[in-house]
Amino acid sequence: MKRSDLRTPDYIEHMLEAIGRIREYTAHLSLEEFESTRIAIDAVVRNLEIIGEAAHNVMLRDPDFVTAHPGVPWQPMYAMRNRILHGYFAINLKTIWVTLQRDLPELERALLRLKAA
């Protein structure tokens, strides 16, 4: 499949897959363990980048869908991706952890509702 053939459902699936991987990588970790496990940090950061990039592609390619679903944090996902990608030496791991614990489950529920619709 060429990148230009991807559609909004594909991007939603990419985000859900990335969330699943993050959950898998961190399920057994405490904050302290996460902060000291470089491979987990790298894996989580990479998947947050995927989520943000997929959100950006939805915003670019399907703005009507974004407008129809204002409860999904499209722009904040992309902003986090940019912050991580361009400020990788200044990533606040506690902020990442809070995002994983508080925001990712809510995002996953929202995306699953979109997928089911």
C-alpha atoms as a PDB file:
ATOM      1  CA  MET A   1       0.000   0.000   0.000  1.00  0.00           C
ATOM      2  CA  LYS A   2       1.348   3.389  -0.960  1.00  0.00           C
ATOM      3  CA  ARG A   3       1.286   6.102   1.687  1.00  0.00           C
ATOM      4  CA  SER A   4      -1.057   8.139  -0.508  1.00  0.00           C
ATOM      5  CA  ASP A   5      -3.579   5.285  -0.379  1.00  0.00           C
ATOM      6  CA  LEU A   6      -3.965   5.505   3.399  1.00  0.00           C
ATOM      7  CA  ARG A   7      -7.295   6.689   4.694  1.00  0.00           C
ATOM      8  CA  THR A   8      -8.602   7.908   8.037  1.00  0.00           C
ATOM      9  CA  PRO A   9      -9.533   4.383   9.219  1.00  0.00           C
ATOM     10  CA  ASP A  10      -5.935   3.310   8.524  1.00  0.00           C
ATOM     11  CA  TYR A  11      -4.557   6.165  10.613  1.00  0.00           C
ATOM     12  CA  ILE A  12      -6.959   5.385  13.450  1.00  0.00           C
ATOM     13  CA  GLU A  13      -5.785   1.777  13.328  1.00  0.00           C
ATOM     14  CA  HIS A  14      -2.148   2.905  13.426  1.00  0.00           C
ATOM     15  CA  MET A  15      -2.891   4.960  16.540  1.00  0.00           C
ATOM     16  CA  LEU A  16      -4.665   2.044  18.222  1.00  0.00           C
ATOM     17  CA  GLU A  17      -1.793  -0.294  17.407  1.00  0.00           C
ATOM     18  CA  ALA A  18       0.708   2.180  18.861  1.00  0.00           C
ATOM     19  CA  ILE A  19      -1.366   2.517  22.030  1.00  0.00           C
ATOM     20  CA  GLY A  20      -1.442  -1.264  22.344  1.00  0.00           C
ATOM     21  CA  ARG A  21       2.328  -1.462  21.988  1.00  0.00           C
ATOM     22  CA  ILE A  22       2.830   1.250  24.605  1.00  0.00           C
ATOM     23  CA  ARG A  23       0.561  -0.615  26.995  1.00  0.00           C
ATOM     24  CA  GLU A  24       2.499  -3.831  26.342  1.00  0.00           C
ATOM     25  CA  TYR A  25       5.862  -2.120  26.926  1.00  0.00           C
ATOM     26  CA  THR A  26       4.824  -0.423  30.165  1.00  0.00           C
ATOM     27  CA  ALA A  27       2.240  -2.703  31.798  1.00  0.00           C
ATOM     28  CA  HIS A  28       4.739  -4.213  34.205  1.00  0.00           C
ATOM     29  CA  LEU A  29       6.645  -0.983  34.957  1.00  0.00           C
ATOM     30  CA  SER A  30       6.377   1.597  37.705  1.00  0.00           C
ATOM     31  CA  LEU A  31       7.330   5.208  36.984  1.00  0.00           C
ATOM     32  CA  GLU A  32      10.744   4.614  38.529  1.00  0.00           C
ATOM     33  CA  GLU A  33      11.320   1.493  36.426  1.00  0.00           C
ATOM     34  CA  PHE A  34      10.158   3.296  33.307  1.00  0.00           C
ATOM     35  CA  GLU A  35      12.527   6.209  33.962  1.00  0.00           C
ATOM     36  CA  SER A  36      15.477   3.837  34.253  1.00  0.00           C
ATOM     37  CA  THR A  37      14.672   1.550  31.305  1.00  0.00           C
ATOM     38  CA  ARG A  38      16.025   3.157  28.162  1.00  0.00           C
ATOM     39  CA  ILE A  39      14.569   0.564  25.819  1.00  0.00           C
ATOM     40  CA  ALA A  40      11.068   1.194  27.224  1.00  0.00           C
ATOM     41  CA  ILE A  41      11.546   4.952  26.946  1.00  0.00           C
ATOM     42  CA  ASP A  42      12.696   4.637  23.338  1.00  0.00           C
ATOM     43  CA  ALA A  43       9.806   2.306  22.471  1.00  0.00           C
ATOM     44  CA  VAL A  44       7.189   4.538  24.096  1.00  0.00           C
ATOM     45  CA  VAL A  45       8.566   7.706  22.544  1.00  0.00           C
ATOM     46  CA  ARG A  46       8.593   6.116  19.101  1.00  0.00           C
ATOM     47  CA  ASN A  47       4.973   5.042  19.429  1.00  0.00           C
ATOM     48  CA  LEU A  48       3.903   8.472  20.673  1.00  0.00           C
ATOM     49  CA  GLU A  49       5.533   9.860  17.533  1.00  0.00           C
ATOM     50  CA  ILE A  50       3.490   7.416  15.436  1.00  0.00           C
ATOM     51  CA  ILE A  51       0.281   8.514  17.168  1.00  0.00           C
ATOM     52  CA  GLY A  52       1.076  12.177  16.567  1.00  0.00           C
ATOM     53  CA  GLU A  53       2.019  11.647  12.941  1.00  0.00           C
ATOM     54  CA  ALA A  54      -1.146   9.657  12.278  1.00  0.00           C
ATOM     55  CA  ALA A  55      -3.233  12.403  13.913  1.00  0.00           C
ATOM     56  CA  HIS A  56      -1.505  14.975  11.730  1.00  0.00           C
ATOM     57  CA  ASN A  57      -2.288  12.965   8.609  1.00  0.00           C
ATOM     58  CA  VAL A  58      -5.958  12.804   9.573  1.00  0.00           C
ATOM     59  CA  MET A  59      -5.948  16.588  10.105  1.00  0.00           C
ATOM     60  CA  LEU A  60      -4.355  17.166   6.693  1.00  0.00           C
ATOM     61  CA  ARG A  61      -6.276  14.620   4.650  1.00  0.00           C
ATOM     62  CA  ASP A  62      -9.669  14.586   6.334  1.00  0.00           C
ATOM     63  CA  PRO A  63     -10.369  17.954   8.004  1.00  0.00           C
ATOM     64  CA  ASP A  64     -14.131  17.355   7.904  1.00  0.00           C
ATOM     65  CA  PHE A  65     -13.643  14.213  10.012  1.00  0.00           C
ATOM     66  CA  VAL A  66     -11.549  16.170  12.511  1.00  0.00           C
ATOM     67  CA  THR A  67     -14.218  18.864  12.720  1.00  0.00           C
ATOM     68  CA  ALA A  68     -16.895  16.214  13.228  1.00  0.00           C
ATOM     69  CA  HIS A  69     -14.934  14.712  16.154  1.00  0.00           C
ATOM     70  CA  PRO A  70     -13.753  17.640  18.276  1.00  0.00           C
ATOM     71  CA  GLY A  71     -13.472  15.441  21.389  1.00  0.00           C
ATOM     72  CA  VAL A  72     -10.388  13.741  19.966  1.00  0.00           C
ATOM     73  CA  PRO A  73      -7.246  15.780  20.742  1.00  0.00           C
ATOM     74  CA  TRP A  74      -5.929  15.851  17.176  1.00  0.00           C
ATOM     75  CA  GLN A  75      -3.727  18.931  17.511  1.00  0.00           C
ATOM     76  CA  PRO A  76      -2.365  18.067  20.993  1.00  0.00           C
ATOM     77  CA  MET A  77      -1.309  14.628  19.718  1.00  0.00           C
ATOM     78  CA  TYR A  78       0.620  16.242  16.897  1.00  0.00           C
ATOM     79  CA  ALA A  79       2.053  18.889  19.219  1.00  0.00           C
ATOM     80  CA  MET A  80       3.345  16.170  21.555  1.00  0.00           C
ATOM     81  CA  ARG A  81       4.917  14.398  18.591  1.00  0.00           C
ATOM     82  CA  ASN A  82       6.693  17.611  17.616  1.00  0.00           C
ATOM     83  CA  ARG A  83       7.858  18.273  21.156  1.00  0.00           C
ATOM     84  CA  ILE A  84       9.257  14.753  21.466  1.00  0.00           C
ATOM     85  CA  LEU A  85      10.816  14.688  18.011  1.00  0.00           C
ATOM     86  CA  HIS A  86      12.465  18.086  18.186  1.00  0.00           C
ATOM     87  CA  GLY A  87      13.240  18.190  21.894  1.00  0.00           C
ATOM     88  CA  TYR A  88      14.283  14.619  22.510  1.00  0.00           C
ATOM     89  CA  PHE A  89      17.084  15.588  24.905  1.00  0.00           C
ATOM     90  CA  ALA A  90      14.620  17.571  26.993  1.00  0.00           C
ATOM     91  CA  ILE A  91      11.799  15.028  27.284  1.00  0.00           C
ATOM     92  CA  ASN A  92      10.173  15.080  30.696  1.00  0.00           C
ATOM     93  CA  LEU A  93       9.626  11.422  31.516  1.00  0.00           C
ATOM     94  CA  LYS A  94       7.142  12.189  34.284  1.00  0.00           C
ATOM     95  CA  THR A  95       5.009  14.075  31.759  1.00  0.00           C
ATOM     96  CA  ILE A  96       5.233  11.123  29.372  1.00  0.00           C
ATOM     97  CA  TRP A  97       4.247   8.750  32.200  1.00  0.00           C
ATOM     98  CA  VAL A  98       1.242  10.870  33.183  1.00  0.00           C
ATOM     99  CA  THR A  99       0.196  10.950  29.535  1.00  0.00           C
ATOM    100  CA  LEU A 100       0.407   7.170  29.382  1.00  0.00           C
ATOM    101  CA  GLN A 101      -1.553   6.651  32.570  1.00  0.00           C
ATOM    102  CA  ARG A 102      -4.177   9.389  32.233  1.00  0.00           C
ATOM    103  CA  ASP A 103      -4.583  10.342  28.592  1.00  0.00           C
ATOM    104  CA  LEU A 104      -3.840   7.226  26.567  1.00  0.00           C
ATOM    105  CA  PRO A 105      -6.695   5.092  27.953  1.00  0.00           C
ATOM    106  CA  GLU A 106      -9.152   7.908  27.225  1.00  0.00           C
ATOM    107  CA  LEU A 107      -7.720   8.354  23.728  1.00  0.00           C
ATOM    108  CA  GLU A 108      -7.967   4.625  23.092  1.00  0.00           C
ATOM    109  CA  ARG A 109     -11.653   4.611  24.089  1.00  0.00           C
ATOM    110  CA  ALA A 110     -12.349   7.579  21.793  1.00  0.00           C
ATOM    111  CA  LEU A 111     -10.568   5.945  18.867  1.00  0.00           C
ATOM    112  CA  LEU A 112     -12.356   2.641  19.427  1.00  0.00           C
ATOM    113  CA  ARG A 113     -15.682   4.518  19.304  1.00  0.00           C
ATOM    114  CA  LEU A 114     -14.641   6.100  15.992  1.00  0.00           C
ATOM    115  CA  LYS A 115     -13.587   2.739  14.615  1.00  0.00           C
ATOM    116  CA  ALA A 116     -16.922   1.172  15.596  1.00  0.00           C
ATOM    117  CA  ALA A 117     -18.962   3.964  14.035  1.00  0.00           C
END
